[in-house]
């Protein structure tokens, strides 16, 4: 393969990496929106002190019991928005989706 062939192959590779980075950025933005929605729902439970839900007694006994979960959501929202590369973005997306699933499960089973 000559110099021109290698250059063309290299350019195609760069384009694929760029497209992958754009795809990861779009997925990260969607995941960030999902986390914000979960955060709003969690804030509603915290704000109302869980009245009418299974969290009512738990929040009465310990008003700060859901704050660590809230902090985790906030931290992952930040992590998604500042991921420096596609690999970091994918890792943040996986971590965020696991946390979102956990928050949704807890809110759904206890409301």
N, C-alpha and C. Protein backbone atom coordinates (compact mmCIF):
# COMPACT_ATOMS: atom_id res chain seq x y z
N UNK A 1 0.87 -1.17 0.00
CA UNK A 1 0.00 0.00 0.00
C UNK A 1 0.91 1.23 0.00
N UNK A 2 0.60 2.12 -0.88
CA UNK A 2 1.41 3.32 -0.99
C UNK A 2 1.03 4.38 0.02
N UNK A 3 1.72 5.48 -0.06
CA UNK A 3 1.48 6.60 0.86
C UNK A 3 0.06 7.12 0.73
N UNK A 4 -0.42 7.24 -0.48
CA UNK A 4 -1.79 7.77 -0.70
C UNK A 4 -2.81 6.79 -0.12
N UNK A 5 -2.59 5.50 -0.31
CA UNK A 5 -3.51 4.51 0.24
C UNK A 5 -3.57 4.56 1.76
N UNK A 6 -2.41 4.71 2.38
CA UNK A 6 -2.36 4.83 3.84
C UNK A 6 -3.05 6.10 4.32
N UNK A 7 -2.84 7.18 3.58
CA UNK A 7 -3.47 8.46 3.95
C UNK A 7 -4.99 8.36 3.87
N UNK A 8 -5.49 7.74 2.80
CA UNK A 8 -6.94 7.58 2.64
C UNK A 8 -7.50 6.72 3.77
N UNK A 9 -6.82 5.62 4.09
CA UNK A 9 -7.25 4.73 5.17
C UNK A 9 -7.26 5.49 6.51
N UNK A 10 -6.24 6.29 6.73
CA UNK A 10 -6.15 7.07 7.96
C UNK A 10 -7.30 8.08 8.06
N UNK A 11 -7.60 8.75 6.98
CA UNK A 11 -8.68 9.75 6.96
C UNK A 11 -10.02 9.07 7.22
N UNK A 12 -10.24 7.90 6.60
CA UNK A 12 -11.49 7.17 6.84
C UNK A 12 -11.60 6.78 8.31
N UNK A 13 -10.49 6.35 8.89
CA UNK A 13 -10.49 6.00 10.31
C UNK A 13 -10.81 7.19 11.19
N UNK A 14 -10.25 8.34 10.86
CA UNK A 14 -10.54 9.56 11.63
C UNK A 14 -12.01 9.95 11.54
N UNK A 15 -12.58 9.80 10.35
CA UNK A 15 -14.01 10.12 10.17
C UNK A 15 -14.88 9.19 11.01
N UNK A 16 -14.52 7.90 11.05
CA UNK A 16 -15.29 6.95 11.84
C UNK A 16 -15.21 7.28 13.33
N UNK A 17 -14.04 7.65 13.79
CA UNK A 17 -13.86 8.03 15.19
C UNK A 17 -14.68 9.28 15.50
N UNK A 18 -14.67 10.23 14.58
CA UNK A 18 -15.44 11.47 14.77
C UNK A 18 -16.93 11.17 14.82
N UNK A 19 -17.41 10.30 13.94
CA UNK A 19 -18.82 9.93 13.94
C UNK A 19 -19.20 9.20 15.22
N UNK A 20 -18.31 8.33 15.69
CA UNK A 20 -18.57 7.62 16.93
C UNK A 20 -18.66 8.62 18.09
N UNK A 21 -17.76 9.60 18.11
CA UNK A 21 -17.79 10.61 19.16
C UNK A 21 -19.08 11.40 19.14
N UNK A 22 -19.58 11.71 17.95
CA UNK A 22 -20.84 12.44 17.82
C UNK A 22 -22.00 11.59 18.33
N UNK A 23 -21.98 10.30 18.01
CA UNK A 23 -23.04 9.40 18.48
C UNK A 23 -23.02 9.28 20.00
N UNK A 24 -21.85 9.16 20.56
CA UNK A 24 -21.73 9.08 22.03
C UNK A 24 -22.24 10.37 22.66
N UNK A 25 -21.93 11.51 22.06
CA UNK A 25 -22.39 12.79 22.59
C UNK A 25 -23.92 12.87 22.58
N UNK A 26 -24.54 12.38 21.52
CA UNK A 26 -26.01 12.39 21.44
C UNK A 26 -26.62 11.48 22.50
N UNK A 27 -26.05 10.29 22.66
CA UNK A 27 -26.56 9.37 23.68
C UNK A 27 -26.35 9.95 25.07
N UNK A 28 -25.21 10.58 25.29
CA UNK A 28 -24.93 11.20 26.59
C UNK A 28 -25.94 12.31 26.90
N UNK A 29 -26.29 13.10 25.89
CA UNK A 29 -27.27 14.18 26.09
C UNK A 29 -28.64 13.60 26.43
N UNK A 30 -29.01 12.52 25.77
CA UNK A 30 -30.29 11.87 26.05
C UNK A 30 -30.29 11.27 27.47
N UNK A 31 -29.20 10.65 27.83
CA UNK A 31 -29.06 10.07 29.17
C UNK A 31 -29.10 11.17 30.23
N UNK A 32 -28.46 12.30 29.93
CA UNK A 32 -28.48 13.44 30.85
C UNK A 32 -29.91 13.92 31.08
N UNK A 33 -30.69 14.00 30.01
CA UNK A 33 -32.10 14.42 30.15
C UNK A 33 -32.87 13.42 31.01
N UNK A 34 -32.61 12.13 30.81
CA UNK A 34 -33.28 11.10 31.62
C UNK A 34 -32.92 11.24 33.09
N UNK A 35 -31.65 11.53 33.37
CA UNK A 35 -31.23 11.70 34.77
C UNK A 35 -31.87 12.94 35.39
N UNK A 36 -31.99 14.00 34.61
CA UNK A 36 -32.63 15.22 35.11
C UNK A 36 -34.09 14.94 35.45
N UNK A 37 -34.75 14.15 34.61
CA UNK A 37 -36.14 13.78 34.88
C UNK A 37 -36.23 12.96 36.17
N UNK A 38 -35.32 12.03 36.36
CA UNK A 38 -35.30 11.23 37.60
C UNK A 38 -35.01 12.12 38.80
N UNK A 39 -34.13 13.10 38.62
CA UNK A 39 -33.80 14.04 39.70
C UNK A 39 -35.02 14.87 40.09
N UNK A 40 -35.78 15.31 39.10
CA UNK A 40 -37.00 16.08 39.38
C UNK A 40 -37.99 15.23 40.18
N UNK A 41 -38.15 13.98 39.76
CA UNK A 41 -39.07 13.09 40.48
C UNK A 41 -38.59 12.83 41.91
N UNK A 42 -37.30 12.62 42.07
CA UNK A 42 -36.75 12.41 43.41
C UNK A 42 -36.91 13.66 44.26
N UNK A 43 -36.66 14.82 43.67
CA UNK A 43 -36.83 16.09 44.40
C UNK A 43 -38.27 16.27 44.86
N UNK A 44 -39.22 15.81 44.05
CA UNK A 44 -40.63 15.91 44.42
C UNK A 44 -40.91 15.06 45.66
N UNK A 45 -40.35 13.87 45.72
CA UNK A 45 -40.53 13.02 46.90
C UNK A 45 -39.87 13.67 48.11
N UNK A 46 -38.69 14.22 47.92
CA UNK A 46 -37.98 14.88 49.02
C UNK A 46 -38.76 16.12 49.48
N UNK A 47 -39.22 16.92 48.52
CA UNK A 47 -39.93 18.17 48.85
C UNK A 47 -41.22 17.90 49.61
N UNK A 48 -41.95 16.86 49.20
CA UNK A 48 -43.23 16.56 49.85
C UNK A 48 -43.05 15.64 51.05
N UNK A 49 -41.79 15.31 51.35
CA UNK A 49 -41.45 14.41 52.46
C UNK A 49 -42.11 13.05 52.31
N UNK A 50 -42.36 12.68 51.05
CA UNK A 50 -42.88 11.35 50.76
C UNK A 50 -44.30 11.10 51.20
N UNK A 51 -45.06 12.16 51.47
CA UNK A 51 -46.42 11.99 51.95
C UNK A 51 -47.21 11.16 50.93
N UNK A 52 -47.87 10.13 51.44
CA UNK A 52 -48.67 9.26 50.60
C UNK A 52 -47.86 8.16 49.92
N UNK A 53 -46.59 8.06 50.24
CA UNK A 53 -45.75 7.00 49.66
C UNK A 53 -45.10 6.20 50.79
N UNK A 54 -44.43 5.15 50.42
CA UNK A 54 -43.71 4.35 51.41
C UNK A 54 -42.54 5.13 52.02
N UNK A 55 -42.14 6.23 51.39
CA UNK A 55 -41.04 7.05 51.91
C UNK A 55 -41.48 7.97 53.05
N UNK A 56 -42.76 8.08 53.29
CA UNK A 56 -43.24 8.99 54.32
C UNK A 56 -42.60 8.70 55.68
N UNK A 57 -42.64 7.47 56.12
CA UNK A 57 -42.05 7.11 57.41
C UNK A 57 -40.53 7.25 57.40
N UNK A 58 -39.92 6.83 56.31
CA UNK A 58 -38.46 6.89 56.20
C UNK A 58 -37.98 8.34 56.25
N UNK A 59 -38.65 9.22 55.52
CA UNK A 59 -38.25 10.63 55.51
C UNK A 59 -38.62 11.34 56.81
N UNK A 60 -39.67 10.87 57.50
CA UNK A 60 -40.01 11.44 58.79
C UNK A 60 -38.91 11.10 59.80
N UNK A 61 -38.44 9.85 59.74
CA UNK A 61 -37.39 9.41 60.66
C UNK A 61 -36.03 10.02 60.32
N UNK A 62 -35.75 10.16 59.01
CA UNK A 62 -34.46 10.68 58.58
C UNK A 62 -34.66 11.53 57.31
N UNK A 63 -34.91 12.84 57.48
CA UNK A 63 -35.19 13.69 56.32
C UNK A 63 -34.09 13.71 55.27
N UNK A 64 -32.87 13.35 55.64
CA UNK A 64 -31.75 13.39 54.69
C UNK A 64 -31.48 12.04 54.02
N UNK A 65 -32.36 11.07 54.21
CA UNK A 65 -32.07 9.71 53.74
C UNK A 65 -31.94 9.60 52.22
N UNK A 66 -32.58 10.46 51.45
CA UNK A 66 -32.50 10.39 49.99
C UNK A 66 -31.46 11.34 49.40
N UNK A 67 -30.83 12.14 50.24
CA UNK A 67 -29.84 13.10 49.73
C UNK A 67 -28.65 12.44 49.04
N UNK A 68 -28.12 11.31 49.54
CA UNK A 68 -27.00 10.68 48.82
C UNK A 68 -27.38 10.26 47.39
N UNK A 69 -28.59 9.78 47.24
CA UNK A 69 -29.06 9.41 45.90
C UNK A 69 -29.16 10.63 45.01
N UNK A 70 -29.62 11.73 45.58
CA UNK A 70 -29.71 12.99 44.84
C UNK A 70 -28.32 13.47 44.42
N UNK A 71 -27.36 13.39 45.34
CA UNK A 71 -25.99 13.79 45.02
C UNK A 71 -25.39 12.93 43.92
N UNK A 72 -25.68 11.62 43.97
CA UNK A 72 -25.19 10.73 42.92
C UNK A 72 -25.74 11.12 41.56
N UNK A 73 -27.03 11.46 41.51
CA UNK A 73 -27.63 11.90 40.24
C UNK A 73 -26.96 13.17 39.74
N UNK A 74 -26.78 14.13 40.63
CA UNK A 74 -26.14 15.39 40.24
C UNK A 74 -24.72 15.17 39.73
N UNK A 75 -23.98 14.31 40.41
CA UNK A 75 -22.60 14.03 40.01
C UNK A 75 -22.54 13.38 38.63
N UNK A 76 -23.45 12.47 38.36
CA UNK A 76 -23.42 11.81 37.05
C UNK A 76 -23.89 12.74 35.94
N UNK A 77 -24.80 13.64 36.24
CA UNK A 77 -25.21 14.63 35.24
C UNK A 77 -23.99 15.46 34.85
N UNK A 78 -23.22 15.87 35.83
CA UNK A 78 -22.00 16.63 35.56
C UNK A 78 -20.99 15.79 34.79
N UNK A 79 -20.80 14.56 35.23
CA UNK A 79 -19.84 13.66 34.58
C UNK A 79 -20.18 13.46 33.10
N UNK A 80 -21.46 13.33 32.79
CA UNK A 80 -21.89 13.16 31.40
C UNK A 80 -21.57 14.40 30.58
N UNK A 81 -21.77 15.55 31.17
CA UNK A 81 -21.61 16.79 30.40
C UNK A 81 -20.15 17.17 30.18
N UNK A 82 -19.23 16.61 30.97
CA UNK A 82 -17.83 16.99 30.83
C UNK A 82 -16.92 15.85 30.39
N UNK A 83 -17.51 14.73 29.97
CA UNK A 83 -16.69 13.59 29.54
C UNK A 83 -15.77 14.04 28.39
N UNK A 84 -14.46 13.85 28.55
CA UNK A 84 -13.51 14.41 27.58
C UNK A 84 -13.40 13.64 26.26
N UNK A 85 -13.82 12.37 26.25
CA UNK A 85 -13.69 11.59 25.02
C UNK A 85 -14.79 10.54 24.97
N UNK A 86 -14.87 9.83 23.84
CA UNK A 86 -15.93 8.85 23.64
C UNK A 86 -15.86 7.73 24.68
N UNK A 87 -14.66 7.28 25.03
CA UNK A 87 -14.52 6.22 26.02
C UNK A 87 -15.04 6.63 27.38
N UNK A 88 -14.69 7.82 27.81
CA UNK A 88 -15.18 8.34 29.09
C UNK A 88 -16.69 8.56 29.03
N UNK A 89 -17.15 9.02 27.89
CA UNK A 89 -18.59 9.23 27.70
C UNK A 89 -19.37 7.94 27.81
N UNK A 90 -18.85 6.88 27.17
CA UNK A 90 -19.53 5.58 27.24
C UNK A 90 -19.54 5.04 28.67
N UNK A 91 -18.45 5.20 29.38
CA UNK A 91 -18.39 4.75 30.78
C UNK A 91 -19.39 5.52 31.63
N UNK A 92 -19.47 6.83 31.41
CA UNK A 92 -20.43 7.66 32.17
C UNK A 92 -21.86 7.29 31.83
N UNK A 93 -22.12 6.99 30.56
CA UNK A 93 -23.47 6.58 30.14
C UNK A 93 -23.87 5.29 30.83
N UNK A 94 -22.97 4.32 30.85
CA UNK A 94 -23.28 3.03 31.49
C UNK A 94 -23.55 3.22 32.98
N UNK A 95 -22.73 4.01 33.64
CA UNK A 95 -22.91 4.27 35.07
C UNK A 95 -24.22 5.02 35.32
N UNK A 96 -24.51 5.99 34.46
CA UNK A 96 -25.73 6.80 34.61
C UNK A 96 -26.98 5.95 34.40
N UNK A 97 -26.95 5.08 33.41
CA UNK A 97 -28.12 4.24 33.15
C UNK A 97 -28.38 3.29 34.31
N UNK A 98 -27.32 2.76 34.90
CA UNK A 98 -27.49 1.88 36.06
C UNK A 98 -28.10 2.64 37.24
N UNK A 99 -27.64 3.86 37.47
CA UNK A 99 -28.18 4.67 38.56
C UNK A 99 -29.62 5.07 38.27
N UNK A 100 -29.90 5.46 37.03
CA UNK A 100 -31.27 5.85 36.66
C UNK A 100 -32.22 4.68 36.88
N UNK A 101 -31.81 3.49 36.48
CA UNK A 101 -32.63 2.30 36.69
C UNK A 101 -32.89 2.08 38.18
N UNK A 102 -31.86 2.24 38.99
CA UNK A 102 -31.99 2.06 40.43
C UNK A 102 -32.94 3.09 41.04
N UNK A 103 -32.80 4.35 40.64
CA UNK A 103 -33.68 5.40 41.15
C UNK A 103 -35.13 5.13 40.75
N UNK A 104 -35.34 4.79 39.48
CA UNK A 104 -36.70 4.52 38.99
C UNK A 104 -37.31 3.33 39.74
N UNK A 105 -36.52 2.29 39.95
CA UNK A 105 -37.01 1.11 40.66
C UNK A 105 -37.43 1.49 42.08
N UNK A 106 -36.59 2.27 42.75
CA UNK A 106 -36.91 2.67 44.12
C UNK A 106 -38.14 3.56 44.17
N UNK A 107 -38.24 4.50 43.25
CA UNK A 107 -39.40 5.39 43.25
C UNK A 107 -40.68 4.66 42.86
N UNK A 108 -40.59 3.74 41.92
CA UNK A 108 -41.78 3.02 41.46
C UNK A 108 -42.29 2.02 42.49
N UNK A 109 -41.37 1.36 43.20
CA UNK A 109 -41.81 0.36 44.16
C UNK A 109 -42.30 0.98 45.45
N UNK A 110 -41.92 2.22 45.71
CA UNK A 110 -42.27 2.84 46.98
C UNK A 110 -43.27 3.98 46.86
N UNK A 111 -43.89 4.14 45.70
CA UNK A 111 -44.89 5.21 45.57
C UNK A 111 -46.27 4.63 45.45
